[in-house]
Amino acid sequence: MSISSRDEERKLMKEYKEKGIRTATVNVGGAMPQSRFKFIESALMAAKRNNLIQDVHAHDGAVIGAMREAMSQIEAIINGLSVGGKIGLARDGEHLAVAIFF
């Protein structure tokens, strides 16, 4: 989902929903590392807006933790650069996945 167009994204979201997998995406952009918290907040808001999570502390922590882990894997490479891309989130039961494409 993080590398698809809006039309492909809608189609994939529908297919995943039929399988019981809830999804969300959000476009992001900015300079690193200053925009790190903006990216995390955007992912959190997208997860809430698309009903991936409830508005409770434990669910917020799950999204924030997944985002921090995903960002930690690429931060050294993009530090100091201005980036733009998309964040894709998916949830199936208790499992939450985050993909970042810059």
N, C-alpha and C. Protein backbone atom coordinates (compact mmCIF):
# COMPACT_ATOMS: atom_id res chain seq x y z
N MET A 1 0.81 -1.18 0.00
CA MET A 1 0.00 0.00 0.00
C MET A 1 0.86 1.26 0.00
N SER A 2 2.04 1.16 0.59
CA SER A 2 2.86 2.36 0.70
C SER A 2 3.50 2.75 -0.63
N ILE A 3 3.42 1.91 -1.65
CA ILE A 3 4.00 2.26 -2.95
C ILE A 3 2.95 2.26 -4.06
N SER A 4 1.68 2.32 -3.71
CA SER A 4 0.63 2.27 -4.71
C SER A 4 0.01 3.64 -4.93
N SER A 5 -0.63 3.80 -6.09
CA SER A 5 -1.35 5.05 -6.38
C SER A 5 -2.65 5.07 -5.57
N ARG A 6 -3.34 6.19 -5.58
CA ARG A 6 -4.59 6.30 -4.82
C ARG A 6 -5.64 5.29 -5.30
N ASP A 7 -5.75 5.10 -6.62
CA ASP A 7 -6.72 4.13 -7.14
C ASP A 7 -6.36 2.70 -6.72
N GLU A 8 -5.08 2.35 -6.85
CA GLU A 8 -4.63 1.03 -6.41
C GLU A 8 -4.83 0.86 -4.91
N GLU A 9 -4.58 1.94 -4.20
CA GLU A 9 -4.73 1.93 -2.74
C GLU A 9 -6.17 1.61 -2.34
N ARG A 10 -7.13 2.26 -2.97
CA ARG A 10 -8.55 1.99 -2.67
C ARG A 10 -8.93 0.54 -2.96
N LYS A 11 -8.42 0.03 -4.09
CA LYS A 11 -8.70 -1.35 -4.46
C LYS A 11 -8.11 -2.32 -3.44
N LEU A 12 -6.84 -2.08 -3.05
CA LEU A 12 -6.19 -2.94 -2.07
C LEU A 12 -6.90 -2.86 -0.71
N MET A 13 -7.30 -1.66 -0.31
CA MET A 13 -8.00 -1.51 0.97
C MET A 13 -9.29 -2.32 0.99
N LYS A 14 -10.00 -2.31 -0.13
CA LYS A 14 -11.25 -3.08 -0.25
C LYS A 14 -10.96 -4.58 -0.16
N GLU A 15 -9.93 -5.04 -0.88
CA GLU A 15 -9.57 -6.46 -0.86
C GLU A 15 -9.16 -6.91 0.54
N TYR A 16 -8.34 -6.09 1.20
CA TYR A 16 -7.90 -6.44 2.55
C TYR A 16 -9.06 -6.43 3.54
N LYS A 17 -9.97 -5.49 3.37
CA LYS A 17 -11.12 -5.40 4.28
C LYS A 17 -11.98 -6.67 4.18
N GLU A 18 -12.13 -7.19 2.96
CA GLU A 18 -12.88 -8.43 2.76
C GLU A 18 -12.23 -9.62 3.48
N LYS A 19 -10.91 -9.54 3.66
CA LYS A 19 -10.18 -10.59 4.37
C LYS A 19 -10.08 -10.34 5.86
N GLY A 20 -10.67 -9.22 6.33
CA GLY A 20 -10.63 -8.90 7.76
C GLY A 20 -9.41 -8.12 8.19
N ILE A 21 -8.66 -7.59 7.23
CA ILE A 21 -7.46 -6.81 7.54
C ILE A 21 -7.80 -5.33 7.35
N ARG A 22 -7.61 -4.56 8.41
CA ARG A 22 -7.87 -3.12 8.35
C ARG A 22 -6.59 -2.41 7.93
N THR A 23 -6.72 -1.40 7.07
CA THR A 23 -5.56 -0.71 6.53
C THR A 23 -5.74 0.80 6.56
N ALA A 24 -4.62 1.51 6.49
CA ALA A 24 -4.62 2.97 6.40
C ALA A 24 -3.32 3.40 5.73
N THR A 25 -3.37 4.53 5.05
CA THR A 25 -2.17 5.12 4.46
C THR A 25 -2.19 6.61 4.70
N VAL A 26 -1.01 7.21 4.67
CA VAL A 26 -0.90 8.65 4.81
C VAL A 26 0.34 9.13 4.05
N ASN A 27 0.17 10.22 3.31
CA ASN A 27 1.30 10.84 2.62
C ASN A 27 2.02 11.74 3.59
N VAL A 28 3.35 11.72 3.54
CA VAL A 28 4.17 12.53 4.45
C VAL A 28 5.32 13.16 3.69
N GLY A 29 5.88 14.20 4.29
CA GLY A 29 7.05 14.83 3.70
C GLY A 29 7.66 15.83 4.67
N GLY A 30 8.97 16.04 4.53
CA GLY A 30 9.66 17.00 5.38
C GLY A 30 11.13 16.66 5.51
N ALA A 31 11.83 17.51 6.23
CA ALA A 31 13.26 17.33 6.44
C ALA A 31 13.49 16.43 7.65
N MET A 32 14.47 15.56 7.54
CA MET A 32 14.82 14.66 8.64
C MET A 32 16.01 15.23 9.38
N PRO A 33 16.12 15.13 10.66
CA PRO A 33 15.24 14.42 11.59
C PRO A 33 14.12 15.28 12.17
N GLN A 34 14.01 16.55 11.76
CA GLN A 34 13.01 17.45 12.32
C GLN A 34 11.58 16.95 12.15
N SER A 35 11.29 16.27 11.07
CA SER A 35 9.91 15.84 10.77
C SER A 35 9.56 14.48 11.36
N ARG A 36 10.48 13.86 12.07
CA ARG A 36 10.25 12.52 12.61
C ARG A 36 8.96 12.44 13.41
N PHE A 37 8.76 13.37 14.33
CA PHE A 37 7.57 13.32 15.18
C PHE A 37 6.30 13.64 14.40
N LYS A 38 6.43 14.47 13.36
CA LYS A 38 5.29 14.76 12.49
C LYS A 38 4.85 13.48 11.75
N PHE A 39 5.83 12.70 11.30
CA PHE A 39 5.52 11.45 10.61
C PHE A 39 4.82 10.47 11.56
N ILE A 40 5.33 10.37 12.77
CA ILE A 40 4.72 9.47 13.76
C ILE A 40 3.30 9.91 14.08
N GLU A 41 3.11 11.21 14.27
CA GLU A 41 1.77 11.74 14.56
C GLU A 41 0.82 11.51 13.39
N SER A 42 1.30 11.68 12.17
CA SER A 42 0.46 11.44 10.99
C SER A 42 0.01 9.99 10.91
N ALA A 43 0.92 9.07 11.19
CA ALA A 43 0.58 7.64 11.17
C ALA A 43 -0.45 7.33 12.27
N LEU A 44 -0.27 7.91 13.44
CA LEU A 44 -1.20 7.70 14.54
C LEU A 44 -2.59 8.22 14.18
N MET A 45 -2.67 9.40 13.61
CA MET A 45 -3.96 9.96 13.23
C MET A 45 -4.62 9.14 12.12
N ALA A 46 -3.84 8.66 11.16
CA ALA A 46 -4.40 7.82 10.09
C ALA A 46 -4.95 6.52 10.65
N ALA A 47 -4.23 5.94 11.62
CA ALA A 47 -4.70 4.69 12.24
C ALA A 47 -6.01 4.91 12.98
N LYS A 48 -6.14 6.02 13.68
CA LYS A 48 -7.39 6.33 14.39
C LYS A 48 -8.51 6.65 13.42
N ARG A 49 -8.22 7.44 12.40
CA ARG A 49 -9.23 7.86 11.42
C ARG A 49 -9.81 6.67 10.65
N ASN A 50 -8.98 5.65 10.41
CA ASN A 50 -9.42 4.48 9.66
C ASN A 50 -9.79 3.30 10.55
N ASN A 51 -9.96 3.56 11.85
CA ASN A 51 -10.41 2.55 12.82
C ASN A 51 -9.49 1.35 12.94
N LEU A 52 -8.19 1.55 12.72
CA LEU A 52 -7.23 0.48 12.98
C LEU A 52 -7.07 0.30 14.48
N ILE A 53 -7.14 1.39 15.21
CA ILE A 53 -6.98 1.35 16.66
C ILE A 53 -8.08 2.16 17.32
N GLN A 54 -8.27 1.91 18.61
CA GLN A 54 -9.18 2.72 19.41
C GLN A 54 -8.36 3.84 20.05
N ASP A 55 -9.05 4.83 20.57
CA ASP A 55 -8.36 5.96 21.19
C ASP A 55 -8.02 5.63 22.64
N VAL A 56 -7.12 4.66 22.81
CA VAL A 56 -6.66 4.27 24.15
C VAL A 56 -5.13 4.25 24.14
N HIS A 57 -4.57 4.41 25.32
CA HIS A 57 -3.12 4.53 25.47
C HIS A 57 -2.35 3.35 24.89
N ALA A 58 -2.80 2.14 25.13
CA ALA A 58 -2.08 0.95 24.65
C ALA A 58 -2.05 0.89 23.12
N HIS A 59 -3.13 1.27 22.48
CA HIS A 59 -3.17 1.24 21.02
C HIS A 59 -2.29 2.34 20.44
N ASP A 60 -2.34 3.53 21.06
CA ASP A 60 -1.44 4.61 20.62
C ASP A 60 0.01 4.15 20.70
N GLY A 61 0.37 3.51 21.80
CA GLY A 61 1.73 3.03 22.00
C GLY A 61 2.15 2.00 20.98
N ALA A 62 1.21 1.16 20.55
CA ALA A 62 1.53 0.15 19.54
C ALA A 62 1.90 0.80 18.21
N VAL A 63 1.12 1.80 17.80
CA VAL A 63 1.41 2.48 16.53
C VAL A 63 2.71 3.28 16.64
N ILE A 64 2.86 4.01 17.74
CA ILE A 64 4.07 4.81 17.92
C ILE A 64 5.31 3.91 17.96
N GLY A 65 5.24 2.80 18.67
CA GLY A 65 6.36 1.87 18.74
C GLY A 65 6.71 1.27 17.39
N ALA A 66 5.69 0.88 16.62
CA ALA A 66 5.93 0.32 15.29
C ALA A 66 6.55 1.36 14.36
N MET A 67 6.07 2.59 14.45
CA MET A 67 6.63 3.67 13.63
C MET A 67 8.08 3.96 14.01
N ARG A 68 8.35 4.03 15.30
CA ARG A 68 9.71 4.31 15.75
C ARG A 68 10.67 3.22 15.28
N GLU A 69 10.23 1.98 15.35
CA GLU A 69 11.08 0.87 14.91
C GLU A 69 11.32 0.95 13.40
N ALA A 70 10.28 1.21 12.63
CA ALA A 70 10.44 1.32 11.18
C ALA A 70 11.34 2.49 10.82
N MET A 71 11.15 3.62 11.50
CA MET A 71 11.97 4.81 11.21
C MET A 71 13.43 4.59 11.61
N SER A 72 13.66 3.85 12.69
CA SER A 72 15.04 3.63 13.15
C SER A 72 15.86 2.85 12.12
N GLN A 73 15.19 2.07 11.30
CA GLN A 73 15.90 1.27 10.29
C GLN A 73 16.37 2.11 9.10
N ILE A 74 15.78 3.29 8.91
CA ILE A 74 16.14 4.10 7.74
C ILE A 74 16.69 5.48 8.11
N GLU A 75 16.62 5.86 9.37
CA GLU A 75 17.02 7.22 9.77
C GLU A 75 18.47 7.56 9.43
N ALA A 76 19.38 6.66 9.62
CA ALA A 76 20.79 6.95 9.35
C ALA A 76 21.02 7.27 7.88
N ILE A 77 20.26 6.66 7.01
CA ILE A 77 20.42 6.85 5.58
C ILE A 77 19.83 8.19 5.13
N ILE A 78 18.70 8.60 5.74
CA ILE A 78 18.01 9.81 5.27
C ILE A 78 18.25 11.03 6.16
N ASN A 79 19.10 10.89 7.17
CA ASN A 79 19.36 12.01 8.08
C ASN A 79 19.90 13.22 7.32
N GLY A 80 19.27 14.37 7.52
CA GLY A 80 19.69 15.60 6.86
C GLY A 80 19.06 15.83 5.51
N LEU A 81 18.28 14.88 5.02
CA LEU A 81 17.64 15.03 3.71
C LEU A 81 16.18 15.45 3.86
N SER A 82 15.66 16.06 2.82
CA SER A 82 14.24 16.35 2.75
C SER A 82 13.60 15.18 2.00
N VAL A 83 12.61 14.55 2.61
CA VAL A 83 12.02 13.35 2.03
C VAL A 83 10.52 13.52 1.87
N GLY A 84 9.94 12.72 1.01
CA GLY A 84 8.51 12.66 0.81
C GLY A 84 8.14 11.24 0.46
N GLY A 85 6.98 10.81 0.88
CA GLY A 85 6.56 9.45 0.58
C GLY A 85 5.25 9.11 1.25
N LYS A 86 5.10 7.84 1.55
CA LYS A 86 3.85 7.34 2.09
C LYS A 86 4.11 6.33 3.18
N ILE A 87 3.24 6.33 4.18
CA ILE A 87 3.28 5.35 5.25
C ILE A 87 2.04 4.47 5.11
N GLY A 88 2.24 3.16 5.12
CA GLY A 88 1.14 2.21 5.07
C GLY A 88 1.05 1.46 6.38
N LEU A 89 -0.17 1.32 6.90
CA LEU A 89 -0.40 0.58 8.15
C LEU A 89 -1.44 -0.50 7.89
N ALA A 90 -1.28 -1.63 8.55
CA ALA A 90 -2.25 -2.72 8.43
C ALA A 90 -2.40 -3.40 9.79
N ARG A 91 -3.63 -3.83 10.08
CA ARG A 91 -3.88 -4.53 11.35
C ARG A 91 -4.78 -5.72 11.09
N ASP A 92 -4.36 -6.85 11.64
CA ASP A 92 -5.14 -8.08 11.59
C ASP A 92 -5.15 -8.64 13.00
N GLY A 93 -6.28 -8.52 13.68
CA GLY A 93 -6.36 -8.96 15.07
C GLY A 93 -5.45 -8.12 15.94
N GLU A 94 -4.55 -8.77 16.64
CA GLU A 94 -3.61 -8.06 17.51
C GLU A 94 -2.35 -7.61 16.78
N HIS A 95 -2.18 -8.01 15.54
CA HIS A 95 -0.95 -7.74 14.79
C HIS A 95 -1.05 -6.43 14.03
N LEU A 96 0.00 -5.62 14.14
CA LEU A 96 0.06 -4.32 13.47
C LEU A 96 1.35 -4.25 12.66
N ALA A 97 1.24 -3.81 11.41
CA ALA A 97 2.42 -3.68 10.55
C ALA A 97 2.49 -2.26 9.99
N VAL A 98 3.72 -1.77 9.84
CA VAL A 98 3.96 -0.44 9.29
C VAL A 98 4.99 -0.56 8.17
N ALA A 99 4.73 0.09 7.05
CA ALA A 99 5.69 0.17 5.95
C ALA A 99 5.87 1.63 5.57
N ILE A 100 7.11 2.03 5.39
CA ILE A 100 7.41 3.41 5.04
C ILE A 100 8.14 3.41 3.70
N PHE A 101 7.66 4.23 2.79
CA PHE A 101 8.30 4.36 1.48
C PHE A 101 8.62 5.84 1.26
N PHE A 102 9.91 6.18 1.24
CA PHE A 102 10.34 7.57 0.97
C PHE A 102 11.02 7.61 -0.37
